[in-house]
N, C-alpha and C. Protein backbone atom coordinates (compact mmCIF):
# COMPACT_ATOMS: atom_id res chain seq x y z
N MET A 1 0.84 -1.17 0.00
CA MET A 1 0.00 0.00 0.00
C MET A 1 0.89 1.24 0.00
N LYS A 2 0.56 2.18 -0.85
CA LYS A 2 1.32 3.42 -0.97
C LYS A 2 1.04 4.33 0.23
N ALA A 3 2.09 4.91 0.78
CA ALA A 3 1.93 5.80 1.93
C ALA A 3 1.30 7.12 1.49
N ILE A 4 0.40 7.62 2.31
CA ILE A 4 -0.23 8.90 2.05
C ILE A 4 0.67 9.99 2.62
N ARG A 5 1.01 10.99 1.81
CA ARG A 5 1.91 12.05 2.23
C ARG A 5 1.17 13.32 2.61
N LYS A 6 -0.09 13.21 2.88
CA LYS A 6 -0.89 14.38 3.27
C LYS A 6 -0.74 14.61 4.77
N THR A 7 -0.87 15.85 5.20
CA THR A 7 -0.78 16.17 6.62
C THR A 7 -2.12 16.58 7.22
N ASP A 8 -3.11 16.86 6.38
CA ASP A 8 -4.44 17.24 6.84
C ASP A 8 -5.17 15.98 7.28
N LEU A 9 -5.42 15.84 8.58
CA LEU A 9 -6.03 14.63 9.11
C LEU A 9 -7.44 14.42 8.59
N ALA A 10 -8.19 15.50 8.40
CA ALA A 10 -9.55 15.37 7.87
C ALA A 10 -9.51 14.85 6.43
N LEU A 11 -8.54 15.30 5.65
CA LEU A 11 -8.40 14.83 4.27
C LEU A 11 -8.00 13.36 4.24
N ILE A 12 -7.09 12.96 5.11
CA ILE A 12 -6.68 11.55 5.18
C ILE A 12 -7.88 10.67 5.53
N ALA A 13 -8.69 11.11 6.49
CA ALA A 13 -9.87 10.35 6.88
C ALA A 13 -10.86 10.26 5.72
N LEU A 14 -11.04 11.36 4.98
CA LEU A 14 -11.94 11.35 3.83
C LEU A 14 -11.45 10.37 2.76
N ILE A 15 -10.17 10.38 2.47
CA ILE A 15 -9.60 9.46 1.48
C ILE A 15 -9.82 8.02 1.91
N ASN A 16 -9.57 7.72 3.18
CA ASN A 16 -9.78 6.36 3.68
C ASN A 16 -11.25 5.96 3.62
N ASP A 17 -12.16 6.88 3.95
CA ASP A 17 -13.59 6.60 3.87
C ASP A 17 -14.03 6.34 2.43
N LEU A 18 -13.50 7.10 1.49
CA LEU A 18 -13.85 6.90 0.08
C LEU A 18 -13.36 5.55 -0.42
N LYS A 19 -12.17 5.14 -0.01
CA LYS A 19 -11.65 3.83 -0.41
C LYS A 19 -12.48 2.71 0.21
N ALA A 20 -12.91 2.89 1.46
CA ALA A 20 -13.76 1.90 2.11
C ALA A 20 -15.12 1.81 1.40
N ALA A 21 -15.66 2.95 0.98
CA ALA A 21 -16.93 2.95 0.26
C ALA A 21 -16.80 2.20 -1.05
N GLU A 22 -15.66 2.33 -1.73
CA GLU A 22 -15.44 1.60 -2.98
C GLU A 22 -15.38 0.10 -2.72
N ARG A 23 -14.72 -0.30 -1.64
CA ARG A 23 -14.65 -1.73 -1.32
C ARG A 23 -16.02 -2.28 -0.96
N ASP A 24 -16.81 -1.50 -0.22
CA ASP A 24 -18.13 -1.97 0.23
C ASP A 24 -19.14 -2.04 -0.91
N THR A 25 -19.15 -1.02 -1.77
CA THR A 25 -20.17 -0.95 -2.81
C THR A 25 -19.71 -1.48 -4.16
N GLY A 26 -18.41 -1.50 -4.38
CA GLY A 26 -17.89 -1.93 -5.68
C GLY A 26 -17.98 -0.84 -6.74
N ALA A 27 -18.38 0.37 -6.34
CA ALA A 27 -18.48 1.49 -7.29
C ALA A 27 -17.12 2.15 -7.42
N ALA A 28 -16.52 2.08 -8.59
CA ALA A 28 -15.17 2.58 -8.82
C ALA A 28 -15.06 4.10 -8.72
N ILE A 29 -16.17 4.80 -8.75
CA ILE A 29 -16.14 6.26 -8.67
C ILE A 29 -15.50 6.73 -7.37
N TRP A 30 -15.75 6.02 -6.27
CA TRP A 30 -15.21 6.44 -4.97
C TRP A 30 -13.69 6.30 -4.94
N ARG A 31 -13.14 5.24 -5.55
CA ARG A 31 -11.68 5.09 -5.60
C ARG A 31 -11.07 6.18 -6.49
N ASP A 32 -11.73 6.50 -7.59
CA ASP A 32 -11.23 7.54 -8.48
C ASP A 32 -11.15 8.89 -7.76
N ILE A 33 -12.20 9.22 -7.01
CA ILE A 33 -12.19 10.48 -6.27
C ILE A 33 -11.10 10.46 -5.20
N ALA A 34 -10.94 9.33 -4.50
CA ALA A 34 -9.89 9.22 -3.48
C ALA A 34 -8.51 9.39 -4.10
N GLU A 35 -8.29 8.79 -5.26
CA GLU A 35 -6.99 8.92 -5.92
C GLU A 35 -6.73 10.35 -6.37
N ARG A 36 -7.76 11.05 -6.82
CA ARG A 36 -7.58 12.45 -7.22
C ARG A 36 -7.25 13.32 -6.02
N LEU A 37 -7.85 13.03 -4.86
CA LEU A 37 -7.57 13.80 -3.65
C LEU A 37 -6.20 13.48 -3.07
N GLU A 38 -5.64 12.32 -3.41
CA GLU A 38 -4.30 11.96 -2.95
C GLU A 38 -3.22 12.73 -3.70
N LYS A 39 -3.54 13.20 -4.88
CA LYS A 39 -2.56 13.93 -5.69
C LYS A 39 -2.29 15.30 -5.07
N PRO A 40 -1.23 15.98 -5.51
CA PRO A 40 -0.94 17.31 -4.97
C PRO A 40 -2.11 18.28 -5.19
N ARG A 41 -2.29 19.16 -4.24
CA ARG A 41 -3.41 20.09 -4.27
C ARG A 41 -3.38 20.97 -5.52
N ARG A 42 -2.23 21.26 -6.05
CA ARG A 42 -2.15 22.09 -7.26
C ARG A 42 -2.73 21.38 -8.48
N ASN A 43 -2.92 20.05 -8.39
CA ASN A 43 -3.51 19.28 -9.49
C ASN A 43 -5.00 19.00 -9.28
N TRP A 44 -5.57 19.47 -8.19
CA TRP A 44 -6.98 19.24 -7.92
C TRP A 44 -7.84 20.05 -8.89
N ALA A 45 -9.07 19.60 -9.06
CA ALA A 45 -10.02 20.29 -9.93
C ALA A 45 -10.42 21.63 -9.31
N GLU A 46 -10.50 22.64 -10.14
CA GLU A 46 -11.05 23.95 -9.77
C GLU A 46 -12.16 24.24 -10.77
N THR A 47 -13.39 24.20 -10.30
CA THR A 47 -14.54 24.32 -11.19
C THR A 47 -15.30 25.60 -10.88
N ASN A 48 -15.65 26.34 -11.91
CA ASN A 48 -16.41 27.58 -11.75
C ASN A 48 -17.91 27.31 -11.85
N LEU A 49 -18.69 28.23 -11.28
CA LEU A 49 -20.14 28.10 -11.35
C LEU A 49 -20.64 28.10 -12.79
N SER A 50 -19.96 28.82 -13.67
CA SER A 50 -20.39 28.86 -15.07
C SER A 50 -20.33 27.48 -15.71
N LYS A 51 -19.34 26.68 -15.35
CA LYS A 51 -19.25 25.33 -15.89
C LYS A 51 -20.36 24.44 -15.34
N LEU A 52 -20.70 24.62 -14.07
CA LEU A 52 -21.82 23.87 -13.49
C LEU A 52 -23.12 24.24 -14.20
N GLU A 53 -23.31 25.52 -14.47
CA GLU A 53 -24.50 25.98 -15.18
C GLU A 53 -24.58 25.38 -16.58
N ARG A 54 -23.45 25.28 -17.23
CA ARG A 54 -23.40 24.78 -18.61
C ARG A 54 -23.72 23.28 -18.69
N TYR A 55 -23.19 22.48 -17.78
CA TYR A 55 -23.27 21.02 -17.93
C TYR A 55 -24.28 20.34 -17.01
N ALA A 56 -24.71 20.95 -15.94
CA ALA A 56 -25.61 20.30 -14.98
C ALA A 56 -27.06 20.52 -15.38
N GLN A 57 -27.90 19.61 -14.93
CA GLN A 57 -29.34 19.72 -15.10
C GLN A 57 -29.96 19.96 -13.72
N ASP A 58 -31.19 20.47 -13.69
CA ASP A 58 -31.88 20.66 -12.41
C ASP A 58 -31.97 19.34 -11.67
N GLY A 59 -31.65 19.37 -10.38
CA GLY A 59 -31.76 18.19 -9.54
C GLY A 59 -30.55 17.28 -9.56
N ASP A 60 -29.52 17.60 -10.33
CA ASP A 60 -28.32 16.76 -10.38
C ASP A 60 -27.54 16.84 -9.07
N VAL A 61 -26.82 15.75 -8.79
CA VAL A 61 -25.86 15.72 -7.68
C VAL A 61 -24.49 15.65 -8.33
N ILE A 62 -23.63 16.62 -8.00
CA ILE A 62 -22.33 16.76 -8.65
C ILE A 62 -21.24 16.62 -7.60
N VAL A 63 -20.21 15.82 -7.91
CA VAL A 63 -19.07 15.65 -7.01
C VAL A 63 -17.86 16.29 -7.67
N ILE A 64 -17.22 17.21 -6.97
CA ILE A 64 -16.02 17.90 -7.45
C ILE A 64 -14.87 17.53 -6.51
N PRO A 65 -13.87 16.79 -6.98
CA PRO A 65 -12.73 16.47 -6.10
C PRO A 65 -11.75 17.63 -6.06
N GLY A 66 -12.17 18.72 -5.48
CA GLY A 66 -11.34 19.93 -5.42
C GLY A 66 -12.17 21.09 -4.91
N LYS A 67 -12.04 22.24 -5.57
CA LYS A 67 -12.67 23.47 -5.10
C LYS A 67 -13.63 24.02 -6.14
N VAL A 68 -14.74 24.58 -5.67
CA VAL A 68 -15.70 25.27 -6.53
C VAL A 68 -15.47 26.76 -6.36
N LEU A 69 -15.29 27.45 -7.50
CA LEU A 69 -15.03 28.89 -7.51
C LEU A 69 -16.25 29.64 -8.03
N ALA A 70 -16.29 30.94 -7.82
CA ALA A 70 -17.51 31.72 -8.06
C ALA A 70 -17.58 32.41 -9.41
N ALA A 71 -16.67 32.17 -10.34
CA ALA A 71 -16.74 32.84 -11.64
C ALA A 71 -17.99 32.39 -12.38
N GLY A 72 -18.77 33.34 -12.84
CA GLY A 72 -20.01 33.02 -13.53
C GLY A 72 -21.17 32.99 -12.56
N SER A 73 -22.28 32.45 -13.02
CA SER A 73 -23.47 32.35 -12.16
C SER A 73 -24.16 31.03 -12.44
N ILE A 74 -25.03 30.65 -11.54
CA ILE A 74 -25.79 29.41 -11.71
C ILE A 74 -27.24 29.70 -11.35
N ALA A 75 -28.15 29.15 -12.13
CA ALA A 75 -29.57 29.33 -11.88
C ALA A 75 -30.27 28.00 -11.67
N LYS A 76 -29.53 26.90 -11.75
CA LYS A 76 -30.12 25.57 -11.62
C LYS A 76 -30.02 25.08 -10.18
N LYS A 77 -31.04 24.35 -9.77
CA LYS A 77 -31.07 23.81 -8.41
C LYS A 77 -30.32 22.48 -8.41
N VAL A 78 -29.07 22.51 -7.96
CA VAL A 78 -28.23 21.31 -7.94
C VAL A 78 -27.62 21.14 -6.55
N THR A 79 -27.21 19.92 -6.26
CA THR A 79 -26.47 19.62 -5.04
C THR A 79 -25.03 19.39 -5.45
N VAL A 80 -24.12 20.16 -4.87
CA VAL A 80 -22.71 20.07 -5.22
C VAL A 80 -21.93 19.64 -3.99
N ALA A 81 -21.20 18.53 -4.12
CA ALA A 81 -20.31 18.06 -3.05
C ALA A 81 -18.89 18.30 -3.52
N ALA A 82 -18.12 19.03 -2.73
CA ALA A 82 -16.74 19.35 -3.08
C ALA A 82 -15.92 19.39 -1.81
N TYR A 83 -14.59 19.33 -1.98
CA TYR A 83 -13.73 19.42 -0.81
C TYR A 83 -13.80 20.81 -0.20
N SER A 84 -13.90 21.84 -1.05
CA SER A 84 -14.04 23.20 -0.53
C SER A 84 -14.75 24.09 -1.55
N PHE A 85 -15.28 25.19 -1.04
CA PHE A 85 -16.00 26.17 -1.84
C PHE A 85 -15.45 27.55 -1.50
N SER A 86 -15.42 28.44 -2.48
CA SER A 86 -15.19 29.84 -2.13
C SER A 86 -16.50 30.33 -1.51
N GLU A 87 -16.42 31.36 -0.69
CA GLU A 87 -17.63 31.86 -0.02
C GLU A 87 -18.68 32.28 -1.03
N ALA A 88 -18.26 32.97 -2.07
CA ALA A 88 -19.21 33.46 -3.08
C ALA A 88 -19.83 32.30 -3.87
N ALA A 89 -19.06 31.23 -4.10
CA ALA A 89 -19.60 30.08 -4.82
C ALA A 89 -20.67 29.38 -3.99
N ALA A 90 -20.42 29.19 -2.71
CA ALA A 90 -21.41 28.55 -1.84
C ALA A 90 -22.68 29.40 -1.77
N GLU A 91 -22.53 30.72 -1.67
CA GLU A 91 -23.69 31.61 -1.64
C GLU A 91 -24.46 31.55 -2.96
N GLY A 92 -23.74 31.48 -4.09
CA GLY A 92 -24.40 31.41 -5.39
C GLY A 92 -25.20 30.14 -5.57
N ILE A 93 -24.67 29.03 -5.11
CA ILE A 93 -25.39 27.75 -5.21
C ILE A 93 -26.63 27.79 -4.34
N LYS A 94 -26.49 28.30 -3.11
CA LYS A 94 -27.64 28.37 -2.20
C LYS A 94 -28.69 29.35 -2.70
N ALA A 95 -28.26 30.45 -3.32
CA ALA A 95 -29.20 31.44 -3.86
C ALA A 95 -30.03 30.86 -5.00
N ALA A 96 -29.46 29.90 -5.72
CA ALA A 96 -30.19 29.26 -6.82
C ALA A 96 -31.10 28.15 -6.32
N GLY A 97 -31.10 27.89 -5.01
CA GLY A 97 -31.96 26.85 -4.44
C GLY A 97 -31.26 25.51 -4.29
N GLY A 98 -29.96 25.47 -4.53
CA GLY A 98 -29.22 24.22 -4.42
C GLY A 98 -28.56 24.07 -3.07
N LYS A 99 -27.74 23.02 -2.95
CA LYS A 99 -27.01 22.76 -1.71
C LYS A 99 -25.53 22.68 -2.02
N ALA A 100 -24.73 23.26 -1.14
CA ALA A 100 -23.27 23.14 -1.20
C ALA A 100 -22.85 22.27 -0.02
N VAL A 101 -22.44 21.04 -0.32
CA VAL A 101 -22.10 20.07 0.73
C VAL A 101 -20.61 19.96 0.85
């Protein structure tokens, strides 16, 4: 098993929980997200609200293995799960009737 070089204990716990979820459910998506979060933070996804508006549909649940940024706007009611949000991005999602988890 490869050693995790992260120092954030909450992030290490999240990675371990995602790997356990993959083992329990057999859904490879959880391992993929865990592997992306194991990579250096400079390689994590940074997604803007405009991209969520472009590709998401009302009622979608979206997982971002990284940070959601506030460039653009969103009018769709979506649930977004990400490692972190900028304050303006979280407010924009909530203002559209969605959830920032």
